[in-house]
Amino acid sequence: MQSLTLFYDGKCPICVAEVEFLQRRNQLGLLSFVDVNQPTFDDSEAGFSCAAAFDNIHASLADGRVLVGVPVFIEVYRRANLPVLVWLLSRPSLAALWAWSYRFFARNRHVISRLFGPPLLKLVRWRQAR
């Protein structure tokens, strides 16, 4: 299985909580993470703009292919050994629901994160400390 780089919004507490959770699950070393808010983010190297990354989650595979939207989560969770989430997100009958849900979250992530991000981040960090 080839490695994958996940591009995320480091100013979104829910996004940061998920990345921290995934870092702990990255036992095979197949995942790397890039905060698109950092000055080191190079959109010419990534193959997409920072604005595109804010609109929709992106990931790049080692072979250069870029994934966008729900397929990113499927491949990230596959590499993090989360088979139940991979299975759920891969169901064709639920694809439209997942796509709609993610678009809603992406558009409203900062509002949603203000409400749920801090406790979720606290929970992830508490679990990591154990």
C-alpha atoms as a PDB file:
ATOM      1  CA  MET A   1       0.000   0.000   0.000  1.00  0.00           C
ATOM      2  CA  GLN A   2       1.469   3.341  -0.987  1.00  0.00           C
ATOM      3  CA  SER A   3       1.881   6.264   1.367  1.00  0.00           C
ATOM      4  CA  LEU A   4      -0.554   9.163   1.463  1.00  0.00           C
ATOM      5  CA  THR A   5      -0.194  12.822   2.443  1.00  0.00           C
ATOM      6  CA  LEU A   6      -3.260  14.414   4.002  1.00  0.00           C
ATOM      7  CA  PHE A   7      -3.675  18.170   3.638  1.00  0.00           C
ATOM      8  CA  TYR A   8      -5.723  19.682   6.465  1.00  0.00           C
ATOM      9  CA  ASP A   9      -6.837  22.986   7.975  1.00  0.00           C
ATOM     10  CA  GLY A  10      -4.733  23.500  11.089  1.00  0.00           C
ATOM     11  CA  LYS A  11      -7.035  26.300  12.240  1.00  0.00           C
ATOM     12  CA  CYS A  12      -9.961  23.878  12.529  1.00  0.00           C
ATOM     13  CA  PRO A  13      -9.964  22.175  15.969  1.00  0.00           C
ATOM     14  CA  ILE A  14     -11.951  19.180  14.682  1.00  0.00           C
ATOM     15  CA  CYS A  15      -9.477  18.753  11.825  1.00  0.00           C
ATOM     16  CA  VAL A  16      -6.549  18.972  14.252  1.00  0.00           C
ATOM     17  CA  ALA A  17      -8.213  16.451  16.579  1.00  0.00           C
ATOM     18  CA  GLU A  18      -8.627  13.999  13.713  1.00  0.00           C
ATOM     19  CA  VAL A  19      -5.031  14.466  12.567  1.00  0.00           C
ATOM     20  CA  GLU A  20      -3.744  13.877  16.104  1.00  0.00           C
ATOM     21  CA  PHE A  21      -5.909  10.756  16.343  1.00  0.00           C
ATOM     22  CA  LEU A  22      -4.616   9.533  12.972  1.00  0.00           C
ATOM     23  CA  GLN A  23      -1.000  10.241  13.900  1.00  0.00           C
ATOM     24  CA  ARG A  24      -1.370   7.832  16.792  1.00  0.00           C
ATOM     25  CA  ARG A  25      -2.856   5.194  14.465  1.00  0.00           C
ATOM     26  CA  ASN A  26      -0.121   5.654  11.854  1.00  0.00           C
ATOM     27  CA  GLN A  27       1.712   2.531  12.959  1.00  0.00           C
ATOM     28  CA  LEU A  28       2.705   1.546   9.414  1.00  0.00           C
ATOM     29  CA  GLY A  29       4.076   5.011   8.668  1.00  0.00           C
ATOM     30  CA  LEU A  30       1.909   5.344   5.566  1.00  0.00           C
ATOM     31  CA  LEU A  31       0.442   8.726   6.491  1.00  0.00           C
ATOM     32  CA  SER A  32       1.942  12.174   6.535  1.00  0.00           C
ATOM     33  CA  PHE A  33       0.169  15.425   7.277  1.00  0.00           C
ATOM     34  CA  VAL A  34       0.462  18.950   5.908  1.00  0.00           C
ATOM     35  CA  ASP A  35      -1.262  21.967   7.436  1.00  0.00           C
ATOM     36  CA  VAL A  36      -2.279  24.166   4.492  1.00  0.00           C
ATOM     37  CA  ASN A  37      -2.126  27.218   6.776  1.00  0.00           C
ATOM     38  CA  GLN A  38       1.627  26.909   7.226  1.00  0.00           C
ATOM     39  CA  PRO A  39       3.946  29.067   5.115  1.00  0.00           C
ATOM     40  CA  THR A  40       5.719  25.867   4.058  1.00  0.00           C
ATOM     41  CA  PHE A  41       2.615  24.715   2.128  1.00  0.00           C
ATOM     42  CA  ASP A  42       3.516  24.913  -1.547  1.00  0.00           C
ATOM     43  CA  ASP A  43       0.478  24.719  -3.803  1.00  0.00           C
ATOM     44  CA  SER A  44       2.620  24.208  -6.909  1.00  0.00           C
ATOM     45  CA  GLU A  45       4.205  21.167  -5.282  1.00  0.00           C
ATOM     46  CA  ALA A  46       0.866  19.900  -3.926  1.00  0.00           C
ATOM     47  CA  GLY A  47      -0.882  20.162  -7.288  1.00  0.00           C
ATOM     48  CA  PHE A  48      -3.817  22.233  -6.036  1.00  0.00           C
ATOM     49  CA  SER A  49      -4.347  25.671  -4.550  1.00  0.00           C
ATOM     50  CA  CYS A  50      -4.677  26.561  -0.911  1.00  0.00           C
ATOM     51  CA  ALA A  51      -8.215  27.818  -1.683  1.00  0.00           C
ATOM     52  CA  ALA A  52      -9.122  24.415  -3.136  1.00  0.00           C
ATOM     53  CA  ALA A  53      -7.755  22.736   0.000  1.00  0.00           C
ATOM     54  CA  PHE A  54      -9.983  24.922   2.163  1.00  0.00           C
ATOM     55  CA  ASP A  55     -13.047  24.083   0.046  1.00  0.00           C
ATOM     56  CA  ASN A  56     -12.559  20.333   0.080  1.00  0.00           C
ATOM     57  CA  ILE A  57     -10.169  17.939   1.800  1.00  0.00           C
ATOM     58  CA  HIS A  58      -7.280  16.761  -0.393  1.00  0.00           C
ATOM     59  CA  ALA A  59      -4.694  14.039  -0.178  1.00  0.00           C
ATOM     60  CA  SER A  60      -1.939  12.919  -2.493  1.00  0.00           C
ATOM     61  CA  LEU A  61      -0.722   9.399  -2.988  1.00  0.00           C
ATOM     62  CA  ALA A  62       2.939   8.516  -3.421  1.00  0.00           C
ATOM     63  CA  ASP A  63       2.360   7.986  -7.160  1.00  0.00           C
ATOM     64  CA  GLY A  64       1.187  11.608  -7.504  1.00  0.00           C
ATOM     65  CA  ARG A  65      -2.554  11.022  -7.752  1.00  0.00           C
ATOM     66  CA  VAL A  66      -4.649  13.555  -5.854  1.00  0.00           C
ATOM     67  CA  LEU A  67      -7.789  12.488  -3.991  1.00  0.00           C
ATOM     68  CA  VAL A  68     -10.556  14.932  -3.089  1.00  0.00           C
ATOM     69  CA  GLY A  69     -13.533  14.646  -0.717  1.00  0.00           C
ATOM     70  CA  VAL A  70     -14.841  11.420   0.808  1.00  0.00           C
ATOM     71  CA  PRO A  71     -12.329   9.176  -1.042  1.00  0.00           C
ATOM     72  CA  VAL A  72      -9.639  10.885   1.052  1.00  0.00           C
ATOM     73  CA  PHE A  73     -11.217   9.591   4.253  1.00  0.00           C
ATOM     74  CA  ILE A  74     -11.557   6.074   2.852  1.00  0.00           C
ATOM     75  CA  GLU A  75      -7.872   5.910   1.978  1.00  0.00           C
ATOM     76  CA  VAL A  76      -6.703   7.626   5.172  1.00  0.00           C
ATOM     77  CA  TYR A  77      -8.768   5.285   7.357  1.00  0.00           C
ATOM     78  CA  ARG A  78      -7.518   2.279   5.366  1.00  0.00           C
ATOM     79  CA  ARG A  79      -3.933   3.274   6.206  1.00  0.00           C
ATOM     80  CA  ALA A  80      -4.858   3.956   9.840  1.00  0.00           C
ATOM     81  CA  ASN A  81      -6.325   0.441  10.142  1.00  0.00           C
ATOM     82  CA  LEU A  82      -9.911   1.549  10.741  1.00  0.00           C
ATOM     83  CA  PRO A  83     -11.752  -1.087   8.671  1.00  0.00           C
ATOM     84  CA  VAL A  84     -15.256  -0.336   9.964  1.00  0.00           C
ATOM     85  CA  LEU A  85     -14.989   3.297   8.855  1.00  0.00           C
ATOM     86  CA  VAL A  86     -13.538   2.221   5.502  1.00  0.00           C
ATOM     87  CA  TRP A  87     -16.429  -0.190   5.026  1.00  0.00           C
ATOM     88  CA  LEU A  88     -19.075   2.410   5.972  1.00  0.00           C
ATOM     89  CA  LEU A  89     -17.638   5.132   3.763  1.00  0.00           C
ATOM     90  CA  SER A  90     -17.234   2.692   0.860  1.00  0.00           C
ATOM     91  CA  ARG A  91     -20.885   1.654   0.650  1.00  0.00           C
ATOM     92  CA  PRO A  92     -22.257   2.779  -2.739  1.00  0.00           C
ATOM     93  CA  SER A  93     -25.750   3.107  -1.253  1.00  0.00           C
ATOM     94  CA  LEU A  94     -24.450   5.709   1.225  1.00  0.00           C
ATOM     95  CA  ALA A  95     -22.129   7.615  -1.126  1.00  0.00           C
ATOM     96  CA  ALA A  96     -24.557  10.506  -1.723  1.00  0.00           C
ATOM     97  CA  LEU A  97     -25.166  10.882   2.031  1.00  0.00           C
ATOM     98  CA  TRP A  98     -21.435  10.960   2.812  1.00  0.00           C
ATOM     99  CA  ALA A  99     -20.753  13.431  -0.010  1.00  0.00           C
ATOM    100  CA  TRP A 100     -23.541  15.755   1.173  1.00  0.00           C
ATOM    101  CA  SER A 101     -22.498  15.433   4.829  1.00  0.00           C
ATOM    102  CA  TYR A 102     -18.887  16.228   4.059  1.00  0.00           C
ATOM    103  CA  ARG A 103     -19.774  19.231   1.863  1.00  0.00           C
ATOM    104  CA  PHE A 104     -21.937  20.563   4.707  1.00  0.00           C
ATOM    105  CA  PHE A 105     -19.141  20.076   7.214  1.00  0.00           C
ATOM    106  CA  ALA A 106     -16.470  21.602   4.940  1.00  0.00           C
ATOM    107  CA  ARG A 107     -18.538  24.741   4.373  1.00  0.00           C
ATOM    108  CA  ASN A 108     -19.342  25.113   8.060  1.00  0.00           C
ATOM    109  CA  ARG A 109     -16.294  23.573   9.723  1.00  0.00           C
ATOM    110  CA  HIS A 110     -15.223  26.681  11.614  1.00  0.00           C
ATOM    111  CA  VAL A 111     -18.650  27.176  13.186  1.00  0.00           C
ATOM    112  CA  ILE A 112     -18.974  23.449  13.927  1.00  0.00           C
ATOM    113  CA  SER A 113     -15.417  23.399  15.274  1.00  0.00           C
ATOM    114  CA  ARG A 114     -16.055  26.270  17.655  1.00  0.00           C
ATOM    115  CA  LEU A 115     -18.862  24.213  19.191  1.00  0.00           C
ATOM    116  CA  PHE A 116     -17.423  20.707  19.148  1.00  0.00           C
ATOM    117  CA  GLY A 117     -13.720  21.100  18.405  1.00  0.00           C
ATOM    118  CA  PRO A 118     -12.311  22.005  21.814  1.00  0.00           C
ATOM    119  CA  PRO A 119     -13.935  19.091  23.689  1.00  0.00           C
ATOM    120  CA  LEU A 120     -13.072  16.679  20.875  1.00  0.00           C
ATOM    121  CA  LEU A 121      -9.451  17.839  20.818  1.00  0.00           C
ATOM    122  CA  LYS A 122      -9.312  17.535  24.615  1.00  0.00           C
ATOM    123  CA  LEU A 123     -10.686  13.980  24.393  1.00  0.00           C
ATOM    124  CA  VAL A 124      -8.151  12.933  21.739  1.00  0.00           C
ATOM    125  CA  ARG A 125      -5.273  14.391  23.749  1.00  0.00           C
ATOM    126  CA  TRP A 126      -6.526  12.740  26.950  1.00  0.00           C
ATOM    127  CA  ARG A 127      -6.692   9.366  25.157  1.00  0.00           C
ATOM    128  CA  GLN A 128      -3.170   9.863  23.774  1.00  0.00           C
ATOM    129  CA  ALA A 129      -1.813  10.594  27.247  1.00  0.00           C
ATOM    130  CA  ARG A 130      -3.141   7.281  28.567  1.00  0.00           C
END
